[in-house]
Protein backbone atom coordinates (compact mmCIF):
# COMPACT_ATOMS: atom_id res chain seq x y z
CA UNK A 1 70.81 67.29 80.69
CA UNK A 2 70.56 65.72 77.33
CA UNK A 3 72.16 62.46 76.50
CA UNK A 4 72.72 61.17 73.01
CA UNK A 5 72.45 57.50 72.66
CA UNK A 6 73.74 55.72 69.62
CA UNK A 7 71.59 52.67 69.82
CA UNK A 8 71.72 51.89 66.14
CA UNK A 9 75.41 52.25 65.67
CA UNK A 10 76.88 49.34 63.68
CA UNK A 11 79.40 47.00 65.11
CA UNK A 12 82.81 47.01 63.37
CA UNK A 13 82.36 43.54 61.90
CA UNK A 14 79.02 44.61 60.39
CA UNK A 15 80.70 47.61 58.75
CA UNK A 16 83.29 45.25 57.24
CA UNK A 17 80.60 42.84 55.97
CA UNK A 18 78.64 45.77 54.50
CA UNK A 19 81.77 47.07 52.74
CA UNK A 20 82.63 43.62 51.38
CA UNK A 21 79.05 43.12 50.13
CA UNK A 22 79.07 46.54 48.46
CA UNK A 23 82.30 45.68 46.64
CA UNK A 24 80.91 42.25 45.66
CA UNK A 25 77.67 43.78 44.32
CA UNK A 26 79.69 46.28 42.32
CA UNK A 27 81.86 43.48 40.88
CA UNK A 28 78.77 41.37 40.09
CA UNK A 29 77.25 44.34 38.26
CA UNK A 30 80.43 44.85 36.24
CA UNK A 31 80.50 41.09 35.52
CA UNK A 32 76.88 41.13 34.25
CA UNK A 33 77.51 44.11 31.97
CA UNK A 34 80.69 42.43 30.66
CA UNK A 35 78.83 39.16 29.98
CA UNK A 36 76.07 41.00 28.10
CA UNK A 37 78.69 42.82 26.02
CA UNK A 38 80.58 39.58 25.28
CA UNK A 39 77.37 37.77 24.34
CA UNK A 40 76.38 40.58 21.98
CA UNK A 41 79.87 40.65 20.45
CA UNK A 42 79.80 36.87 19.96
CA UNK A 43 76.45 37.08 18.17
CA UNK A 44 77.72 39.86 15.90
CA UNK A 45 80.87 37.88 15.10
CA UNK A 46 78.80 34.80 14.25
CA UNK A 47 76.57 36.88 11.97
CA UNK A 48 79.60 38.39 10.25
CA UNK A 49 81.06 34.93 9.64
CA UNK A 50 77.71 33.73 8.25
CA UNK A 51 77.59 36.74 5.93
CA UNK A 52 81.14 36.04 4.74
CA UNK A 53 80.21 32.41 4.06
CA UNK A 54 77.11 33.45 2.11
CA UNK A 55 79.14 35.97 0.08
CA UNK A 56 81.68 33.26 -0.72
CA UNK A 57 78.89 30.90 -1.83
CA UNK A 58 77.32 33.63 -3.96
CA UNK A 59 80.67 34.36 -5.60
CA UNK A 60 81.18 30.66 -6.29
CA UNK A 61 77.71 30.37 -7.81
CA UNK A 62 78.34 33.46 -9.95
CA UNK A 63 81.58 31.92 -11.25
CA UNK A 64 79.80 28.63 -11.94
CA UNK A 65 77.03 30.42 -13.84
CA UNK A 66 79.60 32.37 -15.86
CA UNK A 67 81.43 29.12 -16.68
CA UNK A 68 78.18 27.48 -17.81
CA UNK A 69 77.28 30.47 -20.00
CA UNK A 70 80.76 30.37 -21.54
CA UNK A 71 80.45 26.63 -22.17
CA UNK A 72 77.03 27.14 -23.77
CA UNK A 73 78.51 29.83 -25.97
CA UNK A 74 81.32 27.52 -27.04
CA UNK A 75 78.92 24.66 -27.78
CA UNK A 76 76.51 26.80 -29.80
CA UNK A 77 79.18 28.74 -31.69
CA UNK A 78 78.96 28.49 -35.46
CA UNK A 79 82.27 26.66 -35.83
CA UNK A 80 81.37 24.04 -33.20
CA UNK A 81 77.90 23.51 -34.67
CA UNK A 82 79.40 23.19 -38.15
CA UNK A 83 81.92 20.54 -37.06
CA UNK A 84 79.21 18.54 -35.27
CA UNK A 85 76.96 18.77 -38.34
CA UNK A 86 79.80 17.51 -40.56
CA UNK A 87 80.43 14.60 -38.16
CA UNK A 88 76.73 13.74 -38.31
CA UNK A 89 76.88 13.50 -42.09
CA UNK A 90 75.52 16.86 -43.17
CA UNK A 91 77.30 18.75 -45.93
CA UNK A 92 77.14 22.21 -47.46
CA UNK A 93 74.94 22.63 -50.48
CA UNK A 94 75.14 25.07 -53.30
CA UNK A 95 71.78 26.80 -53.56
CA UNK A 96 72.49 27.71 -57.17
CA UNK A 97 72.86 24.04 -58.13
CA UNK A 98 69.37 22.48 -57.96
CA UNK A 99 70.71 18.94 -58.40
CA UNK A 100 72.17 18.87 -54.86
CA UNK A 101 68.82 19.40 -53.14
CA UNK A 102 65.13 18.75 -53.75
CA UNK A 103 61.99 20.50 -52.65
CA UNK A 104 59.37 18.46 -50.85
CA UNK A 105 55.71 19.28 -51.16
CA UNK A 106 54.03 19.33 -47.80
CA UNK A 107 50.27 18.85 -47.92
CA UNK A 108 48.36 21.69 -46.32
CA UNK A 109 51.27 24.14 -46.38
CA UNK A 110 50.31 27.29 -48.25
CA UNK A 111 53.69 28.97 -48.09
CA UNK A 112 52.36 32.01 -46.31
CA UNK A 113 53.97 33.20 -43.18
CA UNK A 114 51.80 32.13 -40.28
CA UNK A 115 52.49 33.14 -36.69
CA UNK A 116 49.68 31.23 -35.05
CA UNK A 117 48.37 34.41 -33.48
CA UNK A 118 45.67 34.74 -36.12
CA UNK A 119 43.59 32.02 -34.54
CA UNK A 120 43.60 33.65 -31.12
CA UNK A 121 40.17 34.88 -30.15
CA UNK A 122 40.43 38.46 -29.18
CA UNK A 123 38.03 39.65 -26.55
CA UNK A 124 37.20 43.26 -26.30
CA UNK A 125 37.38 44.71 -22.86
CA UNK A 126 33.99 45.60 -21.50
CA UNK A 127 33.96 49.02 -19.96
CA UNK A 128 33.39 48.73 -16.26
CA UNK A 129 31.89 51.68 -14.52
CA UNK A 130 33.60 52.67 -11.28
CA UNK A 131 30.15 53.50 -9.87
CA UNK A 132 28.02 50.58 -8.73
CA UNK A 133 24.61 50.33 -10.43
CA UNK A 134 22.74 50.76 -7.17
CA UNK A 135 24.43 54.13 -6.70
CA UNK A 136 23.56 55.40 -10.18
CA UNK A 137 19.83 55.30 -9.50
CA UNK A 138 18.03 58.37 -8.30
CA UNK A 139 16.06 58.39 -5.06
CA UNK A 140 12.79 58.96 -6.90
CA UNK A 141 13.41 55.92 -9.14
CA UNK A 142 14.28 53.75 -6.15
CA UNK A 143 11.16 54.82 -4.23
CA UNK A 144 8.91 54.16 -7.23
CA UNK A 145 10.39 50.66 -7.70
CA UNK A 146 10.62 49.52 -4.07
CA UNK A 147 7.92 51.37 -2.13
CA UNK A 148 4.23 50.94 -2.88
CA UNK A 149 1.94 53.50 -1.34
CA UNK A 150 -1.56 52.31 -0.42
CA UNK A 151 -4.40 54.58 0.24
CA UNK A 152 -6.33 53.91 3.39
CA UNK A 153 -9.79 55.24 3.39
CA UNK A 154 -13.35 55.02 2.12
């Protein structure tokens, strides 16, 4: 006669504890995945806000640069330069009337157009061989220069 003994059968309270722990582990796993997702989403949102801020700063700088270029254009326009010159005491001259202006002789000035590039020393490029000099020598030349044969004998 064979008897089956269930020596390792769990008590009812242990089954309940095991079930509760299984549910808690499952909930903790879901909580960890949710926290990782929320952390990642928060980082992405922060990056997006930083990018928006940088784009806004770039747009502001572009507008400022455009305003400065426009102001420079207004200040250097012919009409603005002419009014400033008149305020400073300059006046228009008639180039056909030689009594309104005088020529000044400047010592050393020849009247020729001079760019200043004439005095630049121009160096010619020396051709550089892509082969090193030690590789352009034949083996026979190298042996004759570096190896001295001595005769041993009577």
